[in-house]
Protein backbone atom coordinates (compact mmCIF):
# COMPACT_ATOMS: atom_id res chain seq x y z
CA MET A 1 20.92 -5.30 34.36
CA VAL A 2 19.59 -6.19 37.79
CA ARG A 3 16.46 -7.66 36.22
CA LEU A 4 18.67 -9.86 34.01
CA LEU A 5 20.72 -10.97 36.99
CA ALA A 6 17.55 -11.63 38.96
CA THR A 7 16.21 -13.88 36.22
CA MET A 8 19.49 -15.75 36.12
CA PHE A 9 19.56 -16.08 39.89
CA CYS A 10 16.03 -17.45 39.85
CA ALA A 11 16.79 -20.06 37.21
CA LEU A 12 20.04 -21.08 38.87
CA ALA A 13 18.50 -21.32 42.32
CA VAL A 14 15.69 -23.59 41.15
CA ALA A 15 17.98 -25.78 39.06
CA ALA A 16 20.80 -26.09 41.56
CA ALA A 17 18.85 -27.66 44.42
CA PRO A 18 18.94 -31.46 44.65
CA GLY A 19 15.65 -33.27 44.20
CA GLY A 20 15.59 -34.78 47.68
CA ALA A 21 13.32 -32.20 49.29
CA SER A 22 9.70 -33.18 49.80
CA ALA A 23 7.36 -32.18 47.01
CA ALA A 24 5.29 -29.07 47.65
CA PRO A 25 1.58 -29.77 48.16
CA ARG A 26 -1.06 -27.88 46.20
CA GLY A 27 -2.54 -24.57 47.29
CA LEU A 28 0.59 -23.14 48.86
CA GLU A 29 0.10 -19.82 47.06
CA ARG A 30 -2.95 -19.20 49.29
CA ALA A 31 -1.66 -20.72 52.52
CA SER A 32 -1.21 -18.67 55.66
CA ILE A 33 2.00 -18.69 57.67
CA ALA A 34 0.33 -20.86 60.30
CA GLN A 35 -0.80 -23.36 57.67
CA LEU A 36 2.67 -23.51 56.13
CA GLN A 37 4.24 -24.02 59.54
CA ALA A 38 1.78 -26.80 60.36
CA LYS A 39 2.67 -28.62 57.13
CA MET A 40 6.38 -28.35 57.92
CA GLN A 41 5.87 -29.52 61.49
CA ALA A 42 3.94 -32.53 60.23
CA GLY A 43 6.70 -33.39 57.76
CA ARG A 44 4.48 -32.82 54.73
CA LEU A 45 6.53 -29.84 53.53
CA SER A 46 10.12 -28.67 53.84
CA ALA A 47 11.48 -25.16 53.76
CA GLU A 48 13.52 -26.14 50.72
CA ALA A 49 10.46 -27.41 48.85
CA LEU A 50 8.52 -24.29 49.80
CA THR A 51 11.32 -22.02 48.65
CA ARG A 52 11.63 -23.90 45.37
CA PHE A 53 7.85 -23.59 44.93
CA TYR A 54 7.97 -19.80 45.27
CA LEU A 55 11.00 -19.51 42.98
CA ARG A 56 9.23 -21.53 40.30
CA ARG A 57 6.15 -19.37 40.73
CA ILE A 58 8.26 -16.20 40.38
CA ALA A 59 9.81 -17.60 37.20
CA ARG A 60 6.38 -18.48 35.80
CA LEU A 61 4.33 -15.44 36.82
CA ASP A 62 6.78 -12.65 37.52
CA ARG A 63 9.33 -13.18 34.76
CA ARG A 64 7.03 -14.83 32.21
CA GLY A 65 3.27 -15.22 31.82
CA PRO A 66 1.61 -12.08 33.19
CA ALA A 67 5.13 -10.73 33.89
CA LEU A 68 4.16 -8.97 37.12
CA HIS A 69 7.60 -7.43 37.76
CA ALA A 70 6.82 -7.57 41.48
CA VAL A 71 10.18 -9.13 42.40
CA ILE A 72 13.21 -7.03 41.55
CA ALA A 73 15.72 -9.79 42.39
CA VAL A 74 15.78 -13.20 44.07
CA ASN A 75 18.33 -14.24 46.66
CA PRO A 76 20.79 -16.76 45.15
CA ASP A 77 21.37 -18.15 48.65
CA ALA A 78 17.69 -18.74 49.40
CA ILE A 79 17.63 -22.49 48.77
CA ALA A 80 20.84 -23.06 50.74
CA GLU A 81 19.37 -21.09 53.65
CA ALA A 82 16.14 -23.09 53.48
CA ARG A 83 18.04 -26.38 53.41
CA ALA A 84 20.03 -25.35 56.50
CA LEU A 85 16.81 -24.45 58.30
CA ASP A 86 15.38 -27.88 57.46
CA THR A 87 18.43 -29.52 59.04
CA GLU A 88 18.08 -27.31 62.10
CA ARG A 89 14.40 -28.25 62.44
CA ARG A 90 15.27 -31.94 62.39
CA LEU A 91 18.01 -31.52 64.99
CA LYS A 92 16.63 -28.82 67.29
CA GLY A 93 13.05 -28.11 66.30
CA PRO A 94 11.67 -24.86 64.86
CA ARG A 95 12.70 -21.43 66.08
CA GLY A 96 9.14 -20.17 65.87
CA PRO A 97 6.26 -19.46 63.48
CA LEU A 98 8.52 -18.12 60.69
CA HIS A 99 11.00 -21.02 60.67
CA GLY A 100 11.58 -21.87 57.00
CA VAL A 101 8.98 -19.40 55.69
CA PRO A 102 10.11 -17.36 52.62
CA ILE A 103 9.64 -13.59 52.90
CA LEU A 104 10.22 -10.79 50.37
CA ILE A 105 11.84 -7.50 51.41
CA LYS A 106 11.11 -4.18 49.71
CA ASP A 107 14.20 -3.05 47.82
CA ASN A 108 14.78 0.07 49.88
CA ILE A 109 15.61 -2.13 52.89
CA GLU A 110 19.13 -3.49 53.29
CA THR A 111 19.93 -7.19 53.50
CA LYS A 112 23.29 -8.93 53.85
CA ASP A 113 22.50 -11.18 50.89
CA PRO A 114 24.50 -10.68 47.65
CA LEU A 115 21.88 -8.27 46.33
CA PRO A 116 22.01 -4.48 46.03
CA THR A 117 19.55 -2.23 47.82
CA THR A 118 18.58 0.01 44.93
CA ALA A 119 15.37 1.83 45.90
CA GLY A 120 14.63 1.14 42.23
CA SER A 121 17.27 3.60 40.99
CA LEU A 122 20.04 2.83 38.51
CA ALA A 123 22.24 5.11 40.58
CA MET A 124 22.07 2.57 43.43
CA THR A 125 22.83 -0.72 41.66
CA GLY A 126 26.21 -0.82 43.43
CA ASN A 127 24.66 -0.48 46.89
CA PHE A 128 25.66 -3.87 48.34
CA ALA A 129 25.20 -3.11 52.02
CA GLY A 130 26.59 -6.40 53.33
CA ARG A 131 24.34 -6.11 56.39
CA ASP A 132 20.77 -6.67 57.42
CA ALA A 133 18.56 -3.81 58.50
CA PRO A 134 17.48 -4.59 62.10
CA ILE A 135 13.99 -5.63 61.01
CA VAL A 136 15.50 -8.05 58.48
CA ALA A 137 17.97 -9.38 61.06
CA ARG A 138 15.04 -10.15 63.37
CA LEU A 139 13.14 -11.95 60.63
CA ARG A 140 16.23 -13.97 59.74
CA ALA A 141 16.93 -14.79 63.39
CA ALA A 142 13.35 -16.06 63.66
CA GLY A 143 14.05 -18.51 60.84
CA ALA A 144 12.57 -16.66 57.88
CA VAL A 145 14.09 -17.37 54.46
CA ILE A 146 14.89 -14.07 52.75
CA LEU A 147 13.58 -14.96 49.31
CA GLY A 148 14.60 -11.74 47.58
CA LYS A 149 13.74 -8.09 47.03
CA ALA A 150 10.41 -6.64 45.97
CA ASN A 151 10.10 -3.98 43.29
CA LEU A 152 8.80 -0.54 44.29
CA SER A 153 7.96 2.90 43.07
CA GLU A 154 11.41 4.37 42.52
CA TRP A 155 12.72 6.26 45.56
CA ALA A 156 9.52 5.18 47.33
CA ASN A 157 7.48 7.54 45.13
CA PHE A 158 9.48 10.56 46.24
CA ARG A 159 10.96 11.85 43.00
CA SER A 160 8.17 13.41 40.94
CA ILE A 161 4.62 14.65 41.33
CA ALA A 162 3.92 13.03 37.94
CA SER A 163 5.13 9.58 38.99
CA VAL A 164 3.77 6.26 37.80
CA SER A 165 3.26 4.15 40.90
CA GLY A 166 5.04 0.82 40.92
CA TRP A 167 7.59 1.79 38.27
CA SER A 168 11.33 1.82 38.80
CA ALA A 169 14.16 2.11 36.32
CA VAL A 170 15.69 -1.06 37.77
CA GLY A 171 12.61 -3.26 38.00
CA GLY A 172 10.15 -1.90 35.46
CA LEU A 173 6.42 -1.53 36.15
CA VAL A 174 4.69 -3.68 38.75
CA LYS A 175 1.39 -4.99 37.39
CA ASN A 176 -1.73 -5.43 39.47
CA PRO A 177 -2.55 -9.17 39.49
CA TYR A 178 -6.28 -8.38 39.55
CA ALA A 179 -6.06 -6.34 36.33
CA LEU A 180 -2.72 -6.29 34.55
CA ASP A 181 -3.31 -2.94 32.87
CA HIS A 182 -4.19 -1.26 36.20
CA SER A 183 -1.95 0.30 38.82
CA ALA A 184 -0.60 -1.67 41.77
CA CYS A 185 -0.34 1.67 43.62
CA GLY A 186 2.82 2.38 45.59
CA SER A 187 5.33 2.68 46.76
CA SER A 188 5.28 -0.87 48.19
CA ALA A 189 3.75 -2.07 44.93
CA GLY A 190 5.94 -5.15 44.49
CA SER A 191 5.52 -6.26 48.09
CA ALA A 192 1.71 -6.17 47.88
CA ALA A 193 1.41 -7.60 44.35
CA ALA A 194 3.81 -10.44 45.18
CA VAL A 195 1.87 -11.44 48.28
CA ALA A 196 -1.44 -11.33 46.38
CA ALA A 197 0.04 -13.43 43.55
CA GLY A 198 1.42 -16.05 45.93
CA LEU A 199 5.08 -15.33 45.17
CA ALA A 200 5.98 -15.35 48.88
CA ALA A 201 4.27 -16.06 52.18
CA ALA A 202 4.47 -12.40 53.20
CA ALA A 203 6.52 -9.28 52.55
CA VAL A 204 7.86 -6.15 54.17
CA GLY A 205 6.92 -2.70 52.91
CA THR A 206 7.60 0.86 54.01
CA GLU A 207 5.36 3.88 54.29
CA THR A 208 5.85 7.61 54.59
CA ASP A 209 2.29 8.45 53.52
CA GLY A 210 0.13 5.71 52.01
CA SER A 211 2.90 3.49 50.67
CA ILE A 212 1.82 0.36 52.57
CA VAL A 213 -1.92 0.86 52.82
CA CYS A 214 -2.63 1.95 49.23
CA PRO A 215 -0.92 -0.99 47.46
CA SER A 216 -2.23 -3.42 50.05
CA SER A 217 -5.78 -2.19 49.47
CA MET A 218 -5.53 -2.25 45.68
CA ASN A 219 -3.91 -5.69 45.63
CA GLY A 220 -6.44 -7.23 48.00
CA VAL A 221 -4.13 -8.01 50.92
CA VAL A 222 -3.52 -6.96 54.52
CA GLY A 223 -1.08 -4.14 55.27
CA LEU A 224 -0.12 -2.43 58.52
CA LYS A 225 1.61 0.92 58.83
CA PRO A 226 2.67 0.68 62.49
CA THR A 227 2.95 3.42 65.07
CA LEU A 228 5.92 5.63 64.22
CA GLY A 229 9.03 4.27 65.94
CA ARG A 230 7.61 0.85 66.76
CA LEU A 231 9.95 -0.66 64.17
CA PRO A 232 13.48 0.68 63.61
CA THR A 233 14.28 2.39 60.31
CA THR A 234 18.05 1.82 60.43
CA GLY A 235 19.22 0.27 57.17
CA ILE A 236 16.30 1.65 55.18
CA VAL A 237 16.81 4.19 52.40
CA PRO A 238 15.21 7.23 54.05
CA ILE A 239 12.65 9.83 53.13
CA ALA A 240 11.77 11.46 56.45
CA HIS A 241 12.42 10.41 60.03
CA SER A 242 9.21 12.09 61.21
CA GLN A 243 7.03 9.72 59.14
CA ASP A 244 8.99 6.73 57.76
CA ALA A 245 7.68 3.37 59.00
CA PRO A 246 8.30 -0.17 57.76
CA GLY A 247 5.51 -2.70 58.17
CA PRO A 248 4.16 -6.13 57.21
CA ILE A 249 2.10 -7.07 54.16
CA ALA A 250 0.36 -10.45 54.29
CA ARG A 251 -2.71 -12.40 53.20
CA THR A 252 -4.26 -12.57 56.69
CA VAL A 253 -4.36 -10.33 59.73
CA ALA A 254 -2.84 -13.09 61.86
CA ASP A 255 0.16 -13.28 59.51
CA ALA A 256 0.62 -9.51 59.72
CA ALA A 257 0.52 -9.76 63.52
CA VAL A 258 3.22 -12.45 63.53
CA MET A 259 5.42 -10.39 61.22
CA LEU A 260 4.98 -7.25 63.33
CA ALA A 261 5.82 -9.00 66.57
CA ILE A 262 9.00 -10.53 65.18
CA MET A 263 10.16 -7.35 63.46
CA GLN A 264 9.80 -5.40 66.70
CA GLY A 265 11.91 -7.96 68.51
CA GLY A 266 9.29 -9.53 70.75
CA PRO A 267 7.81 -13.03 70.95
CA ALA A 268 5.44 -13.88 68.13
CA PRO A 269 1.76 -14.15 69.06
CA ALA A 270 -0.02 -17.45 68.79
CA GLY A 271 -1.33 -16.32 65.42
CA ALA A 272 -4.98 -16.77 64.67
CA THR A 273 -5.74 -18.37 68.05
CA GLN A 274 -4.72 -15.30 70.03
CA LEU A 275 -6.46 -12.93 67.64
CA GLU A 276 -9.66 -14.99 67.76
CA GLN A 277 -9.70 -14.56 71.53
CA SER A 278 -9.76 -10.80 70.94
CA ALA A 279 -12.82 -10.95 68.71
CA ALA A 280 -15.05 -9.89 71.58
CA ASP A 281 -13.24 -6.53 71.47
CA LEU A 282 -15.73 -5.41 68.79
CA HIS A 283 -18.67 -5.91 71.12
CA GLY A 284 -19.44 -2.55 72.64
CA ARG A 285 -16.55 -0.86 70.87
CA ARG A 286 -17.18 2.55 69.34
CA LEU A 287 -15.85 3.09 65.83
CA GLY A 288 -15.85 6.47 64.11
CA VAL A 289 -17.03 6.21 60.50
CA LEU A 290 -15.14 8.34 57.96
CA ARG A 291 -16.43 8.78 54.42
CA PHE A 292 -15.30 10.16 51.10
CA ALA A 293 -17.15 13.21 49.86
CA PRO A 294 -20.52 12.18 48.35
CA GLY A 295 -20.14 10.96 44.79
CA ARG A 296 -16.35 10.95 44.85
CA ARG A 297 -16.00 7.15 44.81
CA PRO A 298 -19.42 5.73 43.85
CA GLU A 299 -17.98 2.24 43.15
CA THR A 300 -16.71 2.05 46.73
CA GLU A 301 -19.85 3.23 48.53
CA PRO A 302 -21.90 -0.02 48.43
CA ILE A 303 -18.85 -2.08 49.44
CA TYR A 304 -18.23 0.23 52.39
CA GLU A 305 -21.88 0.14 53.45
CA ALA A 306 -21.74 -3.65 53.44
CA ALA A 307 -18.54 -3.55 55.53
CA LEU A 308 -20.16 -1.21 58.06
CA ALA A 309 -23.11 -3.59 58.33
CA ARG A 310 -20.69 -6.44 59.05
CA LEU A 311 -18.99 -4.39 61.78
CA LYS A 312 -22.34 -3.53 63.34
CA ALA A 313 -23.44 -7.17 63.24
CA ALA A 314 -20.20 -8.09 65.01
CA GLY A 315 -21.17 -5.83 67.90
CA ALA A 316 -19.55 -2.48 67.12
CA THR A 317 -21.28 0.84 67.69
CA LEU A 318 -20.80 3.10 64.66
CA VAL A 319 -20.56 6.87 64.97
CA GLU A 320 -20.46 9.17 61.94
CA VAL A 321 -17.52 11.60 62.21
CA ARG A 322 -15.40 13.89 60.04
CA LEU A 323 -11.73 14.77 60.16
CA PRO A 324 -10.75 18.44 59.86
CA ASP A 325 -9.75 19.85 56.48
CA GLY A 326 -6.60 18.07 55.42
CA GLY A 327 -5.27 20.87 53.22
CA PRO A 328 -3.14 22.60 55.90
CA VAL A 329 -1.71 19.25 57.02
CA GLY A 330 -0.75 18.29 53.47
CA ARG A 331 0.87 21.63 52.69
CA ALA A 332 2.98 21.55 55.85
CA GLU A 333 3.85 17.91 55.21
CA GLN A 334 5.37 18.75 51.82
CA LEU A 335 7.99 21.06 53.32
CA VAL A 336 8.70 18.65 56.16
CA LEU A 337 9.32 15.70 53.87
CA ALA A 338 11.42 17.68 51.38
CA THR A 339 13.61 19.12 54.13
CA GLU A 340 14.17 15.84 55.94
CA PHE A 341 14.79 13.95 52.71
CA LYS A 342 17.69 16.17 51.69
CA VAL A 343 19.36 15.85 55.08
CA GLU A 344 18.80 12.13 55.43
CA ILE A 345 19.54 10.97 51.89
CA ASN A 346 22.78 12.97 51.98
CA ALA A 347 23.76 11.19 55.18
CA TYR A 348 22.77 7.79 53.81
CA LEU A 349 24.72 8.25 50.57
CA ALA A 350 27.77 9.60 52.36
CA ALA A 351 27.97 6.33 54.32
CA ALA A 352 27.12 4.04 51.38
CA PRO A 353 29.66 1.58 49.95
CA ALA A 354 32.28 3.07 47.63
CA THR A 355 30.59 1.25 44.75
CA VAL A 356 27.78 3.81 45.00
CA LYS A 357 29.06 6.78 43.00
CA ALA A 358 26.31 9.21 43.98
CA ARG A 359 27.26 10.68 47.37
CA SER A 360 24.58 13.35 47.70
CA LEU A 361 21.15 14.42 46.51
CA ALA A 362 22.87 16.79 44.08
CA ASP A 363 24.70 13.79 42.62
CA LEU A 364 21.42 11.92 42.21
CA ILE A 365 19.87 14.84 40.38
CA ALA A 366 22.88 15.01 38.06
CA PHE A 367 22.77 11.26 37.48
CA ASN A 368 19.08 11.33 36.55
CA THR A 369 19.62 14.27 34.22
CA ALA A 370 22.36 12.36 32.42
CA THR A 371 20.50 9.01 32.34
CA PRO A 372 17.51 8.95 29.93
CA ALA A 373 16.32 5.61 31.31
CA GLU A 374 15.60 7.35 34.59
CA THR A 375 13.42 10.11 33.20
CA VAL A 376 11.63 8.29 30.40
CA LEU A 377 8.27 8.46 32.23
CA PHE A 378 8.58 11.41 34.62
CA GLY A 379 11.03 13.91 36.01
CA GLN A 380 12.44 14.77 39.42
CA GLU A 381 10.66 17.92 40.61
CA ILE A 382 10.47 16.62 44.19
CA PHE A 383 14.23 16.06 44.19
CA GLY A 384 14.68 19.61 42.98
CA ALA A 385 12.38 21.00 45.67
CA ALA A 386 14.20 19.02 48.34
CA GLN A 387 17.59 20.25 47.12
CA SER A 388 16.45 23.84 47.63
CA THR A 389 15.47 23.33 51.29
CA LYS A 390 17.54 24.90 54.07
CA GLY A 391 18.00 22.20 56.67
CA LEU A 392 16.48 21.12 59.97
CA ALA A 393 17.25 24.45 61.65
CA ASP A 394 15.24 26.39 59.09
CA PRO A 395 12.42 28.20 60.96
CA ALA A 396 9.99 27.42 58.16
CA TYR A 397 10.69 23.70 58.54
CA VAL A 398 10.44 23.84 62.34
CA GLU A 399 7.08 25.59 62.09
CA ALA A 400 5.78 23.22 59.40
CA LEU A 401 6.74 20.18 61.45
CA ALA A 402 5.03 21.48 64.57
CA THR A 403 1.96 22.55 62.60
CA SER A 404 1.54 19.28 60.73
CA LYS A 405 1.97 17.18 63.86
CA ARG A 406 -0.48 19.31 65.86
CA LEU A 407 -3.16 19.38 63.18
CA ALA A 408 -2.91 15.66 62.39
CA GLY A 409 -2.58 14.41 65.96
CA PRO A 410 -3.82 16.47 68.94
CA GLU A 411 -6.26 18.54 66.87
CA GLY A 412 -7.01 15.77 64.36
CA ILE A 413 -7.22 12.07 65.15
CA ASP A 414 -6.75 12.45 68.93
CA ARG A 415 -9.48 15.08 69.29
CA LEU A 416 -11.88 13.12 67.08
CA LEU A 417 -11.38 9.99 69.16
CA ALA A 418 -11.67 11.80 72.49
CA ASP A 419 -14.66 14.02 71.67
CA ASN A 420 -16.68 11.05 70.41
CA HIS A 421 -15.40 8.47 72.93
CA LEU A 422 -14.10 6.26 70.10
CA ASP A 423 -11.82 3.25 70.17
CA ALA A 424 -10.75 3.66 66.53
CA LEU A 425 -11.73 5.10 63.17
CA VAL A 426 -12.82 3.13 60.11
CA ALA A 427 -12.71 4.29 56.50
CA PRO A 428 -12.42 3.04 52.94
CA THR A 429 -8.65 2.80 52.47
CA ALA A 430 -8.86 4.11 48.91
CA GLY A 431 -10.99 3.70 45.84
CA PRO A 432 -10.31 0.92 43.35
CA THR A 433 -7.21 0.91 41.16
CA TRP A 434 -6.93 2.98 37.98
CA LYS A 435 -5.57 2.14 34.54
CA VAL A 436 -1.80 2.53 34.34
CA GLY A 437 -0.60 6.02 33.56
CA ARG A 438 0.08 9.10 35.60
CA ASP A 439 -1.11 8.43 39.15
CA LYS A 440 -4.78 9.18 39.80
CA TYR A 441 -5.12 8.64 43.52
CA PRO A 442 -8.76 7.80 44.22
CA GLY A 443 -8.97 9.37 47.66
CA SER A 444 -7.37 8.21 50.89
CA PHE A 445 -7.29 8.84 54.63
CA SER A 446 -3.59 7.98 54.92
CA THR A 447 -2.17 11.47 55.55
CA PHE A 448 -3.54 12.09 59.05
CA PRO A 449 -2.19 8.85 60.60
CA ALA A 450 1.03 9.12 58.56
CA VAL A 451 1.78 12.63 59.82
CA ALA A 452 0.56 11.96 63.37
CA GLY A 453 2.58 8.73 63.54
CA ASP A 454 -0.52 6.67 64.32
CA PRO A 455 -1.07 3.05 63.22
CA HIS A 456 -3.13 2.34 60.10
CA LEU A 457 -4.34 -1.14 59.17
CA THR A 458 -6.00 -2.09 55.88
CA LEU A 459 -7.58 -5.40 54.92
CA PRO A 460 -9.87 -6.57 52.11
CA MET A 461 -13.53 -5.55 52.33
CA GLY A 462 -14.71 -6.39 48.79
CA GLN A 463 -14.21 -5.71 45.11
CA ALA A 464 -15.50 -3.19 42.59
CA GLY A 465 -15.86 -5.15 39.37
CA GLY A 466 -12.89 -7.37 40.21
CA ARG A 467 -10.76 -4.53 41.61
CA PRO A 468 -10.03 -4.96 45.36
CA VAL A 469 -10.97 -2.29 47.89
CA GLY A 470 -9.66 -2.19 51.45
CA LEU A 471 -11.14 -1.22 54.80
CA SER A 472 -8.99 0.90 57.11
CA PHE A 473 -8.75 0.85 60.89
CA ILE A 474 -6.95 3.90 62.31
CA GLY A 475 -6.18 4.35 65.99
CA PRO A 476 -4.10 6.40 68.40
CA ALA A 477 -0.35 5.87 68.76
CA GLY A 478 0.40 2.50 70.32
CA SER A 479 -2.91 0.88 69.36
CA ASP A 480 -1.39 -1.46 66.76
CA LYS A 481 -2.42 -4.67 68.53
CA LEU A 482 -5.94 -3.38 69.10
CA LEU A 483 -6.33 -2.54 65.42
CA LEU A 484 -5.10 -6.03 64.50
CA ALA A 485 -7.72 -7.52 66.82
CA PHE A 486 -10.43 -5.39 65.22
CA GLY A 487 -9.17 -6.40 61.79
CA ALA A 488 -9.20 -10.09 62.71
CA ALA A 489 -12.78 -9.80 63.92
CA PHE A 490 -13.84 -8.11 60.68
CA GLU A 491 -11.88 -10.61 58.58
CA ARG A 492 -13.94 -13.46 60.02
CA THR A 493 -17.20 -11.84 58.87
CA GLY A 494 -16.41 -12.10 55.17
CA PRO A 495 -14.42 -13.89 52.50
CA GLY A 496 -11.13 -12.13 53.30
CA PHE A 497 -8.38 -12.67 50.76
CA VAL A 498 -9.62 -13.55 47.25
CA PRO A 499 -6.82 -14.89 44.99
CA PRO A 500 -6.26 -13.04 41.71
CA THR A 501 -6.78 -14.58 38.29
CA PHE A 502 -4.43 -12.24 36.37
CA PRO A 503 -6.92 -10.86 33.80
CA GLU A 504 -5.52 -8.52 31.19
CA THR A 505 -8.10 -5.90 32.13
CA VAL A 506 -11.38 -5.33 33.96
CA GLU A 507 -14.20 -2.93 33.26
CA ASP A 508 -13.89 0.18 35.40
CA GLY A 509 -17.15 1.11 37.04
CA ALA A 510 -18.44 -2.47 37.07
CA ALA A 511 -20.75 -3.59 39.86
CA ALA A 512 -19.38 -3.97 43.36
CA THR A 513 -19.10 -7.35 45.06
CA ARG A 514 -18.51 -8.29 48.68
């Protein structure tokens, strides 16, 4: 039903706007935020024309054509908001670098627009919050146009161990624009696929463990999971307070930096100019090199070697290192997330609008059991495990939380950095995407920074037979800006973002390209 309404909203929004707005120039689907802002400042583009451009592109590529299903719903007020921002620009000038720039918001983040915040679940289609989450309020105050909501892995991939990333009962399956029969990863699948496909200038995702960096890597875009607590999580459908983190997804590192600065409530950086001035940070910097086990991801190895050569040529000193065994961290993390989810989703649902009938995790489980459309692809074992947990005072939870944090942080990333005198770690973010089906995660280094609460940046480093692969920068808590500077320096050594061509398929195992 929401998909039907979204399609109607899209058609109505495009048709209802008067034709007086300036025509959108070509190439906007690849343009950076700074380039869009420059066009608007010069009078060659209006926010209304830009918004109409993205809405037409959503109608053509997301609803029809390759039918990406990256956008779960468009904001019926988007064009009116853009038009008002154009008037404000003429009268007062721009508010800043996001003035009139359309942004998509992952659909587990509340907005005050007439759209529900569903987390992809049919049980949440009545969740009209009537308020902006603080990070959305800051984007809106900076002049961003809230274009709509991005599709996601239902419940942010926290319902079943047999999940299909990018699928939700409300929005369907997000397709990877680089290979339509391959996974877009998750849970921020729609946010990453939409940015890659040029359906918005940028998007907001969320991560508990891998949910920003994996889809960003596999959709060939930039994604930042910030330091835990840098951005507020109020107004976001929760999983776990000890790991949940919203963050930006964009086509360039500079755009991600602008988004981060605005969402945390500070002044936006001067975009690419400021980051370019930080390029010298790679000279003399020591980067710890993490690797997958030999032979685990052969398609990724030559791409990673080429990326390391680019880092070295840019002045970095590379040091081979290894993280401790991640098994104990992962096992402790499972109990932590399950325990916190039950407590926090119960609290969220108890305070939800009366139009949301499910008021507890037990109600959600009952709803899914009674709703075949919810369980057509996979079940809800994680929900069941969470329901059986015993609360935040449970000694087993308290011990698991302390253990996971210690092993991932002080005895994990922090020790590795200190013992080797490193500024940051680098790693392949993940292997290339897999054909759609039950998730087949191709390796990742996301768990240690996710559990420790450390920042994790990914950006494109190449492709394996047309399938994007990302390079990760991981640093200690609070090093977000430093990682962005490192990422900007690396970005300038290669092609960066490569637009997708929406092929039906690609050949897995094909030769790697830079």
